[in-house]
Amino acid sequence: MAIDIDDARKAAHLARIRVNEDELPGIASELQAILGFMSSLNDVDVADVEPMSSATPMQLKWRSDDVDPTIERAHVVTNAPDSREGFFVVPKVVE
């Protein structure tokens, strides 16, 4: 796929970047080089490569899924300046 000046102008517009007309040929050639590199990645044989989530091998730390005791709602709102029906009351900040 060839990137021309109109494509570079459109990409700059979509990215909300102000670009002078004399800079567009350079940007178009840079975008073309990036796309050329990306297409070269299609030639890499990854058939025997195992999918990974990190560049370094890691083991996830597992923990037991235990339910811890919780604080009663009535006790939590006792220090609140204003509470109703077990909930904190805060001033309205958005109209």
PDB file of N, CA and C in Angstrom:
ATOM      1  N   MET A   1       0.846  -1.174   0.000  1.00  0.00           N
ATOM      2  CA  MET A   1       0.000   0.000   0.000  1.00  0.00           C
ATOM      3  C   MET A   1       0.890   1.235   0.000  1.00  0.00           C
ATOM      4  N   ALA A   2       0.700   2.090  -0.929  1.00  0.00           N
ATOM      5  CA  ALA A   2       1.493   3.310  -1.031  1.00  0.00           C
ATOM      6  C   ALA A   2       0.796   4.449  -0.296  1.00  0.00           C
ATOM      7  N   ILE A   3       1.574   5.179   0.482  1.00  0.00           N
ATOM      8  CA  ILE A   3       1.062   6.339   1.205  1.00  0.00           C
ATOM      9  C   ILE A   3       1.444   7.587   0.417  1.00  0.00           C
ATOM     10  N   ASP A   4       0.472   8.365   0.033  1.00  0.00           N
ATOM     11  CA  ASP A   4       0.770   9.601  -0.685  1.00  0.00           C
ATOM     12  C   ASP A   4       0.483  10.802   0.220  1.00  0.00           C
ATOM     13  N   ILE A   5       0.627  11.982  -0.325  1.00  0.00           N
ATOM     14  CA  ILE A   5       0.472  13.206   0.466  1.00  0.00           C
ATOM     15  C   ILE A   5      -0.961  13.356   0.976  1.00  0.00           C
ATOM     16  N   ASP A   6      -1.939  12.938   0.171  1.00  0.00           N
ATOM     17  CA  ASP A   6      -3.330  13.035   0.635  1.00  0.00           C
ATOM     18  C   ASP A   6      -3.584  12.122   1.825  1.00  0.00           C
ATOM     19  N   ASP A   7      -2.992  10.914   1.816  1.00  0.00           N
ATOM     20  CA  ASP A   7      -3.135  10.002   2.953  1.00  0.00           C
ATOM     21  C   ASP A   7      -2.468  10.587   4.202  1.00  0.00           C
ATOM     22  N   ALA A   8      -1.298  11.200   4.024  1.00  0.00           N
ATOM     23  CA  ALA A   8      -0.605  11.816   5.157  1.00  0.00           C
ATOM     24  C   ALA A   8      -1.418  12.975   5.711  1.00  0.00           C
ATOM     25  N   ARG A   9      -2.024  13.764   4.833  1.00  0.00           N
ATOM     26  CA  ARG A   9      -2.874  14.882   5.269  1.00  0.00           C
ATOM     27  C   ARG A   9      -4.071  14.358   6.054  1.00  0.00           C
ATOM     28  N   LYS A  10      -4.688  13.276   5.558  1.00  0.00           N
ATOM     29  CA  LYS A  10      -5.844  12.703   6.239  1.00  0.00           C
ATOM     30  C   LYS A  10      -5.448  12.123   7.600  1.00  0.00           C
ATOM     31  N   ALA A  11      -4.299  11.448   7.658  1.00  0.00           N
ATOM     32  CA  ALA A  11      -3.835  10.886   8.929  1.00  0.00           C
ATOM     33  C   ALA A  11      -3.566  11.999   9.937  1.00  0.00           C
ATOM     34  N   ALA A  12      -2.968  13.098   9.481  1.00  0.00           N
ATOM     35  CA  ALA A  12      -2.716  14.226  10.385  1.00  0.00           C
ATOM     36  C   ALA A  12      -4.031  14.832  10.864  1.00  0.00           C
ATOM     37  N   HIS A  13      -5.013  14.916   9.976  1.00  0.00           N
ATOM     38  CA  HIS A  13      -6.318  15.451  10.368  1.00  0.00           C
ATOM     39  C   HIS A  13      -6.990  14.546  11.400  1.00  0.00           C
ATOM     40  N   LEU A  14      -6.945  13.235  11.160  1.00  0.00           N
ATOM     41  CA  LEU A  14      -7.569  12.301  12.105  1.00  0.00           C
ATOM     42  C   LEU A  14      -6.872  12.308  13.461  1.00  0.00           C
ATOM     43  N   ALA A  15      -5.553  12.548  13.451  1.00  0.00           N
ATOM     44  CA  ALA A  15      -4.793  12.603  14.695  1.00  0.00           C
ATOM     45  C   ALA A  15      -4.862  13.978  15.343  1.00  0.00           C
ATOM     46  N   ARG A  16      -5.558  14.903  14.692  1.00  0.00           N
ATOM     47  CA  ARG A  16      -5.701  16.281  15.178  1.00  0.00           C
ATOM     48  C   ARG A  16      -4.324  16.939  15.345  1.00  0.00           C
ATOM     49  N   ILE A  17      -3.452  16.727  14.323  1.00  0.00           N
ATOM     50  CA  ILE A  17      -2.120  17.314  14.313  1.00  0.00           C
ATOM     51  C   ILE A  17      -2.065  18.339  13.189  1.00  0.00           C
ATOM     52  N   ARG A  18      -1.655  19.556  13.505  1.00  0.00           N
ATOM     53  CA  ARG A  18      -1.507  20.583  12.482  1.00  0.00           C
ATOM     54  C   ARG A  18      -0.155  20.377  11.801  1.00  0.00           C
ATOM     55  N   VAL A  19      -0.202  20.185  10.470  1.00  0.00           N
ATOM     56  CA  VAL A  19       1.002  19.927   9.692  1.00  0.00           C
ATOM     57  C   VAL A  19       1.044  20.916   8.540  1.00  0.00           C
ATOM     58  N   ASN A  20       2.210  21.542   8.320  1.00  0.00           N
ATOM     59  CA  ASN A  20       2.380  22.432   7.181  1.00  0.00           C
ATOM     60  C   ASN A  20       2.437  21.608   5.898  1.00  0.00           C
ATOM     61  N   GLU A  21       2.036  22.212   4.810  1.00  0.00           N
ATOM     62  CA  GLU A  21       2.011  21.511   3.516  1.00  0.00           C
ATOM     63  C   GLU A  21       3.400  21.036   3.102  1.00  0.00           C
ATOM     64  N   ASP A  22       4.445  21.793   3.450  1.00  0.00           N
ATOM     65  CA  ASP A  22       5.789  21.382   3.043  1.00  0.00           C
ATOM     66  C   ASP A  22       6.316  20.209   3.860  1.00  0.00           C
ATOM     67  N   GLU A  23       5.684  19.881   4.997  1.00  0.00           N
ATOM     68  CA  GLU A  23       6.082  18.730   5.812  1.00  0.00           C
ATOM     69  C   GLU A  23       5.406  17.439   5.372  1.00  0.00           C
ATOM     70  N   LEU A  24       4.347  17.529   4.592  1.00  0.00           N
ATOM     71  CA  LEU A  24       3.569  16.346   4.220  1.00  0.00           C
ATOM     72  C   LEU A  24       4.368  15.300   3.446  1.00  0.00           C
ATOM     73  N   PRO A  25       5.238  15.652   2.481  1.00  0.00           N
ATOM     74  CA  PRO A  25       6.005  14.600   1.792  1.00  0.00           C
ATOM     75  C   PRO A  25       6.890  13.792   2.736  1.00  0.00           C
ATOM     76  N   GLY A  26       7.519  14.452   3.703  1.00  0.00           N
ATOM     77  CA  GLY A  26       8.346  13.735   4.675  1.00  0.00           C
ATOM     78  C   GLY A  26       7.520  12.811   5.556  1.00  0.00           C
ATOM     79  N   ILE A  27       6.359  13.278   5.960  1.00  0.00           N
ATOM     80  CA  ILE A  27       5.483  12.446   6.790  1.00  0.00           C
ATOM     81  C   ILE A  27       4.985  11.253   5.993  1.00  0.00           C
ATOM     82  N   ALA A  28       4.657  11.484   4.714  1.00  0.00           N
ATOM     83  CA  ALA A  28       4.187  10.382   3.877  1.00  0.00           C
ATOM     84  C   ALA A  28       5.270   9.326   3.722  1.00  0.00           C
ATOM     85  N   SER A  29       6.532   9.744   3.551  1.00  0.00           N
ATOM     86  CA  SER A  29       7.601   8.753   3.401  1.00  0.00           C
ATOM     87  C   SER A  29       7.858   8.018   4.710  1.00  0.00           C
ATOM     88  N   GLU A  30       7.739   8.706   5.844  1.00  0.00           N
ATOM     89  CA  GLU A  30       7.900   8.038   7.135  1.00  0.00           C
ATOM     90  C   GLU A  30       6.791   7.018   7.372  1.00  0.00           C
ATOM     91  N   LEU A  31       5.558   7.387   7.043  1.00  0.00           N
ATOM     92  CA  LEU A  31       4.447   6.443   7.184  1.00  0.00           C
ATOM     93  C   LEU A  31       4.638   5.243   6.267  1.00  0.00           C
ATOM     94  N   GLN A  32       5.140   5.486   5.057  1.00  0.00           N
ATOM     95  CA  GLN A  32       5.399   4.393   4.124  1.00  0.00           C
ATOM     96  C   GLN A  32       6.471   3.460   4.687  1.00  0.00           C
ATOM     97  N   ALA A  33       7.510   4.007   5.324  1.00  0.00           N
ATOM     98  CA  ALA A  33       8.552   3.173   5.933  1.00  0.00           C
ATOM     99  C   ALA A  33       7.998   2.350   7.084  1.00  0.00           C
ATOM    100  N   ILE A  34       7.117   2.943   7.875  1.00  0.00           N
ATOM    101  CA  ILE A  34       6.508   2.210   8.996  1.00  0.00           C
ATOM    102  C   ILE A  34       5.665   1.063   8.475  1.00  0.00           C
ATOM    103  N   LEU A  35       4.846   1.328   7.462  1.00  0.00           N
ATOM    104  CA  LEU A  35       4.017   0.263   6.894  1.00  0.00           C
ATOM    105  C   LEU A  35       4.866  -0.812   6.242  1.00  0.00           C
ATOM    106  N   GLY A  36       5.991  -0.425   5.630  1.00  0.00           N
ATOM    107  CA  GLY A  36       6.898  -1.416   5.053  1.00  0.00           C
ATOM    108  C   GLY A  36       7.475  -2.329   6.113  1.00  0.00           C
ATOM    109  N   PHE A  37       7.856  -1.756   7.251  1.00  0.00           N
ATOM    110  CA  PHE A  37       8.359  -2.577   8.341  1.00  0.00           C
ATOM    111  C   PHE A  37       7.277  -3.512   8.867  1.00  0.00           C
ATOM    112  N   MET A  38       6.066  -2.989   9.033  1.00  0.00           N
ATOM    113  CA  MET A  38       4.973  -3.823   9.531  1.00  0.00           C
ATOM    114  C   MET A  38       4.680  -4.974   8.585  1.00  0.00           C
ATOM    115  N   SER A  39       4.758  -4.729   7.282  1.00  0.00           N
ATOM    116  CA  SER A  39       4.497  -5.819   6.337  1.00  0.00           C
ATOM    117  C   SER A  39       5.629  -6.838   6.347  1.00  0.00           C
ATOM    118  N   SER A  40       6.850  -6.414   6.704  1.00  0.00           N
ATOM    119  CA  SER A  40       7.946  -7.382   6.790  1.00  0.00           C
ATOM    120  C   SER A  40       7.740  -8.351   7.950  1.00  0.00           C
ATOM    121  N   LEU A  41       6.952  -7.965   8.943  1.00  0.00           N
ATOM    122  CA  LEU A  41       6.672  -8.869  10.062  1.00  0.00           C
ATOM    123  C   LEU A  41       5.825 -10.059   9.625  1.00  0.00           C
ATOM    124  N   ASN A  42       5.102  -9.921   8.515  1.00  0.00           N
ATOM    125  CA  ASN A  42       4.316 -11.048   8.011  1.00  0.00           C
ATOM    126  C   ASN A  42       5.200 -12.176   7.518  1.00  0.00           C
ATOM    127  N   ASP A  43       6.467 -11.902   7.185  1.00  0.00           N
ATOM    128  CA  ASP A  43       7.383 -12.921   6.691  1.00  0.00           C
ATOM    129  C   ASP A  43       8.011 -13.747   7.801  1.00  0.00           C
ATOM    130  N   VAL A  44       7.839 -13.350   9.048  1.00  0.00           N
ATOM    131  CA  VAL A  44       8.443 -14.047  10.176  1.00  0.00           C
ATOM    132  C   VAL A  44       7.653 -15.316  10.458  1.00  0.00           C
ATOM    133  N   ASP A  45       8.370 -16.445  10.594  1.00  0.00           N
ATOM    134  CA  ASP A  45       7.725 -17.723  10.896  1.00  0.00           C
ATOM    135  C   ASP A  45       7.526 -17.838  12.408  1.00  0.00           C
ATOM    136  N   VAL A  46       6.278 -17.818  12.834  1.00  0.00           N
ATOM    137  CA  VAL A  46       5.955 -17.903  14.256  1.00  0.00           C
ATOM    138  C   VAL A  46       5.153 -19.167  14.572  1.00  0.00           C
ATOM    139  N   ALA A  47       5.278 -20.174  13.715  1.00  0.00           N
ATOM    140  CA  ALA A  47       4.485 -21.393  13.898  1.00  0.00           C
ATOM    141  C   ALA A  47       4.823 -22.099  15.200  1.00  0.00           C
ATOM    142  N   ASP A  48       6.094 -22.085  15.603  1.00  0.00           N
ATOM    143  CA  ASP A  48       6.505 -22.814  16.809  1.00  0.00           C
ATOM    144  C   ASP A  48       6.672 -21.904  18.023  1.00  0.00           C
ATOM    145  N   VAL A  49       6.206 -20.681  17.934  1.00  0.00           N
ATOM    146  CA  VAL A  49       6.345 -19.741  19.043  1.00  0.00           C
ATOM    147  C   VAL A  49       5.095 -19.801  19.905  1.00  0.00           C
ATOM    148  N   GLU A  50       5.325 -20.031  21.185  1.00  0.00           N
ATOM    149  CA  GLU A  50       4.199 -20.124  22.117  1.00  0.00           C
ATOM    150  C   GLU A  50       3.711 -18.727  22.479  1.00  0.00           C
ATOM    151  N   PRO A  51       2.391 -18.507  22.525  1.00  0.00           N
ATOM    152  CA  PRO A  51       1.889 -17.176  22.916  1.00  0.00           C
ATOM    153  C   PRO A  51       2.342 -16.820  24.322  1.00  0.00           C
ATOM    154  N   MET A  52       2.597 -15.527  24.540  1.00  0.00           N
ATOM    155  CA  MET A  52       3.056 -15.102  25.860  1.00  0.00           C
ATOM    156  C   MET A  52       2.411 -13.775  26.231  1.00  0.00           C
ATOM    157  N   SER A  53       2.365 -13.525  27.510  1.00  0.00           N
ATOM    158  CA  SER A  53       1.807 -12.266  27.991  1.00  0.00           C
ATOM    159  C   SER A  53       2.883 -11.341  28.514  1.00  0.00           C
ATOM    160  N   SER A  54       4.123 -11.823  28.578  1.00  0.00           N
ATOM    161  CA  SER A  54       5.224 -11.008  29.069  1.00  0.00           C
ATOM    162  C   SER A  54       6.501 -11.446  28.374  1.00  0.00           C
ATOM    163  N   ALA A  55       7.477 -10.558  28.309  1.00  0.00           N
ATOM    164  CA  ALA A  55       8.752 -10.898  27.684  1.00  0.00           C
ATOM    165  C   ALA A  55       9.603 -11.775  28.588  1.00  0.00           C
ATOM    166  N   THR A  56       9.298 -11.798  29.866  1.00  0.00           N
ATOM    167  CA  THR A  56      10.034 -12.641  30.802  1.00  0.00           C
ATOM    168  C   THR A  56       9.103 -13.716  31.334  1.00  0.00           C
ATOM    169  N   PRO A  57       9.615 -14.930  31.531  1.00  0.00           N
ATOM    170  CA  PRO A  57       8.746 -15.990  32.053  1.00  0.00           C
ATOM    171  C   PRO A  57       8.322 -15.686  33.489  1.00  0.00           C
ATOM    172  N   MET A  58       7.042 -15.834  33.750  1.00  0.00           N
ATOM    173  CA  MET A  58       6.511 -15.542  35.076  1.00  0.00           C
ATOM    174  C   MET A  58       5.503 -16.620  35.461  1.00  0.00           C
ATOM    175  N   GLN A  59       5.355 -16.807  36.730  1.00  0.00           N
ATOM    176  CA  GLN A  59       4.311 -17.660  37.271  1.00  0.00           C
ATOM    177  C   GLN A  59       3.382 -16.772  38.084  1.00  0.00           C
ATOM    178  N   LEU A  60       2.104 -16.922  37.871  1.00  0.00           N
ATOM    179  CA  LEU A  60       1.145 -16.148  38.650  1.00  0.00           C
ATOM    180  C   LEU A  60       1.101 -16.656  40.082  1.00  0.00           C
ATOM    181  N   LYS A  61       0.994 -15.736  40.998  1.00  0.00           N
ATOM    182  CA  LYS A  61       0.887 -16.102  42.406  1.00  0.00           C
ATOM    183  C   LYS A  61      -0.581 -16.342  42.714  1.00  0.00           C
ATOM    184  N   TRP A  62      -0.876 -17.543  43.122  1.00  0.00           N
ATOM    185  CA  TRP A  62      -2.252 -17.890  43.446  1.00  0.00           C
ATOM    186  C   TRP A  62      -2.461 -17.748  44.938  1.00  0.00           C
ATOM    187  N   ARG A  63      -3.641 -17.305  45.298  1.00  0.00           N
ATOM    188  CA  ARG A  63      -3.995 -17.215  46.700  1.00  0.00           C
ATOM    189  C   ARG A  63      -5.374 -17.845  46.862  1.00  0.00           C
ATOM    190  N   SER A  64      -5.660 -18.242  48.049  1.00  0.00           N
ATOM    191  CA  SER A  64      -6.971 -18.822  48.287  1.00  0.00           C
ATOM    192  C   SER A  64      -8.026 -17.726  48.238  1.00  0.00           C
ATOM    193  N   ASP A  65      -9.170 -18.059  47.777  1.00  0.00           N
ATOM    194  CA  ASP A  65     -10.255 -17.098  47.641  1.00  0.00           C
ATOM    195  C   ASP A  65     -11.140 -17.179  48.883  1.00  0.00           C
ATOM    196  N   ASP A  66     -10.644 -16.568  49.940  1.00  0.00           N
ATOM    197  CA  ASP A  66     -11.341 -16.623  51.217  1.00  0.00           C
ATOM    198  C   ASP A  66     -12.166 -15.362  51.418  1.00  0.00           C
ATOM    199  N   VAL A  67     -13.292 -15.496  52.063  1.00  0.00           N
ATOM    200  CA  VAL A  67     -14.135 -14.357  52.402  1.00  0.00           C
ATOM    201  C   VAL A  67     -13.685 -13.848  53.757  1.00  0.00           C
ATOM    202  N   ASP A  68     -13.287 -12.581  53.796  1.00  0.00           N
ATOM    203  CA  ASP A  68     -12.853 -11.973  55.046  1.00  0.00           C
ATOM    204  C   ASP A  68     -14.046 -11.315  55.732  1.00  0.00           C
ATOM    205  N   PRO A  69     -13.969 -11.139  57.029  1.00  0.00           N
ATOM    206  CA  PRO A  69     -15.066 -10.457  57.717  1.00  0.00           C
ATOM    207  C   PRO A  69     -15.163  -9.005  57.256  1.00  0.00           C
ATOM    208  N   THR A  70     -16.371  -8.509  57.178  1.00  0.00           N
ATOM    209  CA  THR A  70     -16.586  -7.134  56.730  1.00  0.00           C
ATOM    210  C   THR A  70     -17.069  -6.291  57.901  1.00  0.00           C
ATOM    211  N   ILE A  71     -17.022  -4.994  57.694  1.00  0.00           N
ATOM    212  CA  ILE A  71     -17.481  -4.055  58.722  1.00  0.00           C
ATOM    213  C   ILE A  71     -18.961  -3.793  58.477  1.00  0.00           C
ATOM    214  N   GLU A  72     -19.720  -3.749  59.531  1.00  0.00           N
ATOM    215  CA  GLU A  72     -21.145  -3.475  59.418  1.00  0.00           C
ATOM    216  C   GLU A  72     -21.372  -2.069  58.868  1.00  0.00           C
ATOM    217  N   ARG A  73     -22.346  -1.922  58.001  1.00  0.00           N
ATOM    218  CA  ARG A  73     -22.643  -0.641  57.372  1.00  0.00           C
ATOM    219  C   ARG A  73     -22.995   0.431  58.401  1.00  0.00           C
ATOM    220  N   ALA A  74     -23.754   0.079  59.391  1.00  0.00           N
ATOM    221  CA  ALA A  74     -24.151   1.054  60.410  1.00  0.00           C
ATOM    222  C   ALA A  74     -22.930   1.585  61.158  1.00  0.00           C
ATOM    223  N   HIS A  75     -21.940   0.741  61.365  1.00  0.00           N
ATOM    224  CA  HIS A  75     -20.721   1.167  62.057  1.00  0.00           C
ATOM    225  C   HIS A  75     -19.880   2.086  61.171  1.00  0.00           C
ATOM    226  N   VAL A  76     -19.874   1.846  59.862  1.00  0.00           N
ATOM    227  CA  VAL A  76     -19.073   2.649  58.935  1.00  0.00           C
ATOM    228  C   VAL A  76     -19.601   4.070  58.865  1.00  0.00           C
ATOM    229  N   VAL A  77     -20.892   4.255  58.803  1.00  0.00           N
ATOM    230  CA  VAL A  77     -21.459   5.592  58.614  1.00  0.00           C
ATOM    231  C   VAL A  77     -21.618   6.366  59.917  1.00  0.00           C
ATOM    232  N   THR A  78     -21.197   5.813  61.031  1.00  0.00           N
ATOM    233  CA  THR A  78     -21.348   6.538  62.300  1.00  0.00           C
ATOM    234  C   THR A  78     -20.496   7.801  62.338  1.00  0.00           C
ATOM    235  N   ASN A  79     -19.358   7.829  61.658  1.00  0.00           N
ATOM    236  CA  ASN A  79     -18.499   9.012  61.655  1.00  0.00           C
ATOM    237  C   ASN A  79     -18.819   9.960  60.507  1.00  0.00           C
ATOM    238  N   ALA A  80     -19.755   9.639  59.671  1.00  0.00           N
ATOM    239  CA  ALA A  80     -20.091  10.497  58.538  1.00  0.00           C
ATOM    240  C   ALA A  80     -20.827  11.736  59.025  1.00  0.00           C
ATOM    241  N   PRO A  81     -20.519  12.894  58.416  1.00  0.00           N
ATOM    242  CA  PRO A  81     -21.245  14.104  58.818  1.00  0.00           C
ATOM    243  C   PRO A  81     -22.739  14.006  58.532  1.00  0.00           C
ATOM    244  N   ASP A  82     -23.101  13.304  57.446  1.00  0.00           N
ATOM    245  CA  ASP A  82     -24.510  13.148  57.109  1.00  0.00           C
ATOM    246  C   ASP A  82     -24.686  11.794  56.424  1.00  0.00           C
ATOM    247  N   SER A  83     -25.647  11.022  56.888  1.00  0.00           N
ATOM    248  CA  SER A  83     -25.935   9.727  56.260  1.00  0.00           C
ATOM    249  C   SER A  83     -27.431   9.478  56.347  1.00  0.00           C
ATOM    250  N   ARG A  84     -27.929   8.789  55.312  1.00  0.00           N
ATOM    251  CA  ARG A  84     -29.342   8.430  55.271  1.00  0.00           C
ATOM    252  C   ARG A  84     -29.476   7.015  54.759  1.00  0.00           C
ATOM    253  N   GLU A  85     -30.262   6.233  55.442  1.00  0.00           N
ATOM    254  CA  GLU A  85     -30.570   4.862  55.056  1.00  0.00           C
ATOM    255  C   GLU A  85     -29.319   4.027  54.829  1.00  0.00           C
ATOM    256  N   GLY A  86     -28.262   4.288  55.631  1.00  0.00           N
ATOM    257  CA  GLY A  86     -27.046   3.503  55.546  1.00  0.00           C
ATOM    258  C   GLY A  86     -26.075   3.954  54.468  1.00  0.00           C
ATOM    259  N   PHE A  87     -26.308   5.106  53.843  1.00  0.00           N
ATOM    260  CA  PHE A  87     -25.427   5.614  52.791  1.00  0.00           C
ATOM    261  C   PHE A  87     -24.869   6.965  53.199  1.00  0.00           C
ATOM    262  N   PHE A  88     -23.675   7.308  52.672  1.00  0.00           N
ATOM    263  CA  PHE A  88     -23.105   8.624  52.873  1.00  0.00           C
ATOM    264  C   PHE A  88     -23.890   9.630  52.047  1.00  0.00           C
ATOM    265  N   VAL A  89     -24.118  10.808  52.611  1.00  0.00           N
ATOM    266  CA  VAL A  89     -24.753  11.887  51.874  1.00  0.00           C
ATOM    267  C   VAL A  89     -23.675  12.922  51.581  1.00  0.00           C
ATOM    268  N   VAL A  90     -23.534  13.241  50.293  1.00  0.00           N
ATOM    269  CA  VAL A  90     -22.525  14.209  49.868  1.00  0.00           C
ATOM    270  C   VAL A  90     -23.211  15.347  49.151  1.00  0.00           C
ATOM    271  N   PRO A  91     -22.589  16.523  49.132  1.00  0.00           N
ATOM    272  CA  PRO A  91     -23.205  17.643  48.439  1.00  0.00           C
ATOM    273  C   PRO A  91     -23.197  17.425  46.926  1.00  0.00           C
ATOM    274  N   LYS A  92     -24.212  17.949  46.278  1.00  0.00           N
ATOM    275  CA  LYS A  92     -24.310  17.846  44.822  1.00  0.00           C
ATOM    276  C   LYS A  92     -23.252  18.743  44.197  1.00  0.00           C
ATOM    277  N   VAL A  93     -22.456  18.180  43.269  1.00  0.00           N
ATOM    278  CA  VAL A  93     -21.392  18.953  42.652  1.00  0.00           C
ATOM    279  C   VAL A  93     -21.614  19.160  41.170  1.00  0.00           C
ATOM    280  N   VAL A  94     -22.570  18.489  40.569  1.00  0.00           N
ATOM    281  CA  VAL A  94     -22.849  18.627  39.146  1.00  0.00           C
ATOM    282  C   VAL A  94     -24.299  19.049  38.991  1.00  0.00           C
ATOM    283  N   GLU A  95     -24.502  20.064  38.202  1.00  0.00           N
ATOM    284  CA  GLU A  95     -25.872  20.538  37.969  1.00  0.00           C
ATOM    285  C   GLU A  95     -26.490  19.775  36.823  1.00  0.00           C
TER     286      GLU A  95
END
